C-alpha atoms as a PDB file:
ATOM      1  CA  MET A   1     -12.639  10.417  -7.831  1.00  0.00           C
ATOM      2  CA  ASP A   2     -13.770   9.425  -4.712  1.00  0.00           C
ATOM      3  CA  ASN A   3     -12.341   9.253  -0.946  1.00  0.00           C
ATOM      4  CA  PHE A   4     -14.018   6.795   0.693  1.00  0.00           C
ATOM      5  CA  GLU A   5      -9.922   5.486   1.767  1.00  0.00           C
ATOM      6  CA  TRP A   6      -9.736   8.851   4.085  1.00  0.00           C
ATOM      7  CA  GLY A   7     -12.528   7.346   6.249  1.00  0.00           C
ATOM      8  CA  PHE A   8     -10.493   4.618   7.151  1.00  0.00           C
ATOM      9  CA  GLY A   9      -6.790   6.184   7.568  1.00  0.00           C
ATOM     10  CA  PHE A  10      -3.976   3.618   7.330  1.00  0.00           C
ATOM     11  CA  THR A  11      -5.921   0.967   8.149  1.00  0.00           C
ATOM     12  CA  VAL A  12      -6.017   0.239   4.489  1.00  0.00           C
ATOM     13  CA  ARG A  13      -3.243  -0.418   2.601  1.00  0.00           C
ATOM     14  CA  PHE A  14      -2.658  -0.223  -0.910  1.00  0.00           C
ATOM     15  CA  GLY A  15      -0.384   0.788  -3.910  1.00  0.00           C
ATOM     16  CA  ILE A  16       2.372  -0.701  -5.236  1.00  0.00           C
ATOM     17  CA  TYR A  17       4.991   0.430  -2.390  1.00  0.00           C
ATOM     18  CA  HIS A  18       4.852  -0.751   1.525  1.00  0.00           C
ATOM     19  CA  VAL A  19       5.735   1.786   3.579  1.00  0.00           C
ATOM     20  CA  ASP A  20       7.136   1.261   7.074  1.00  0.00           C
ATOM     21  CA  PHE A  21       5.953   4.752   8.851  1.00  0.00           C
ATOM     22  CA  GLU A  22       8.175   3.819  11.801  1.00  0.00           C
ATOM     23  CA  MET A  23      11.039   3.527   9.938  1.00  0.00           C
ATOM     24  CA  GLN A  24      10.477   5.547   6.878  1.00  0.00           C
ATOM     25  CA  GLU A  25      11.373   2.770   4.099  1.00  0.00           C
ATOM     26  CA  ARG A  26       9.407   1.660   1.540  1.00  0.00           C
ATOM     27  CA  THR A  27       9.936  -1.567  -0.258  1.00  0.00           C
ATOM     28  CA  PRO A  28       7.970  -2.180  -3.245  1.00  0.00           C
ATOM     29  CA  LYS A  29       5.298  -4.953  -3.256  1.00  0.00           C
ATOM     30  CA  MET A  30       5.018  -7.330  -5.954  1.00  0.00           C
ATOM     31  CA  SER A  31       2.592  -5.272  -8.340  1.00  0.00           C
ATOM     32  CA  GLY A  32       5.344  -2.622  -8.229  1.00  0.00           C
ATOM     33  CA  LYS A  33       7.728  -5.274  -9.180  1.00  0.00           C
ATOM     34  CA  TRP A  34       5.678  -6.221 -11.939  1.00  0.00           C
ATOM     35  CA  TYR A  35       4.714  -2.353 -12.987  1.00  0.00           C
ATOM     36  CA  ARG A  36       8.723  -1.846 -12.643  1.00  0.00           C
ATOM     37  CA  ASP A  37       9.150  -4.564 -15.286  1.00  0.00           C
ATOM     38  CA  PHE A  38       6.220  -3.489 -17.760  1.00  0.00           C
ATOM     39  CA  LEU A  39       7.464  -0.178 -17.673  1.00  0.00           C
ATOM     40  CA  THR A  40      11.264  -1.191 -18.699  1.00  0.00           C
ATOM     41  CA  GLY A  41       9.933  -4.230 -21.355  1.00  0.00           C
ATOM     42  CA  SER A  42      11.349  -6.637 -19.558  1.00  0.00           C
ATOM     43  CA  ARG A  43       9.259  -9.704 -19.411  1.00  0.00           C
ATOM     44  CA  PRO A  44       9.837 -12.158 -16.532  1.00  0.00           C
ATOM     45  CA  VAL A  45       8.893 -15.675 -17.281  1.00  0.00           C
ATOM     46  CA  ASP A  46       7.068 -16.504 -14.026  1.00  0.00           C
ATOM     47  CA  GLN A  47       6.561 -14.955 -10.993  1.00  0.00           C
ATOM     48  CA  ALA A  48       9.684 -17.158  -8.836  1.00  0.00           C
ATOM     49  CA  GLN A  49      12.094 -15.664 -12.024  1.00  0.00           C
ATOM     50  CA  THR A  50      11.032 -11.927 -10.402  1.00  0.00           C
ATOM     51  CA  LEU A  51      11.768 -12.698  -7.038  1.00  0.00           C
ATOM     52  CA  ARG A  52      14.765 -14.301  -8.016  1.00  0.00           C
ATOM     53  CA  ALA A  53      16.063 -11.293  -9.472  1.00  0.00           C
ATOM     54  CA  ASP A  54      15.166  -8.785  -6.832  1.00  0.00           C
ATOM     55  CA  SER A  55      16.159 -10.998  -3.934  1.00  0.00           C
END
């Protein structure tokens, strides 16, 4: 395990959630939605179906 990302602070964003530091809100990214579907066993047909389900 390395700490390469520590040198960049908050300039580089990664992970499955987007964090709005001003409003303290977290919203799942597309990868987070896919991971949720993976864990629950649901299998969306395509990307558009995943987006419609979360709207």
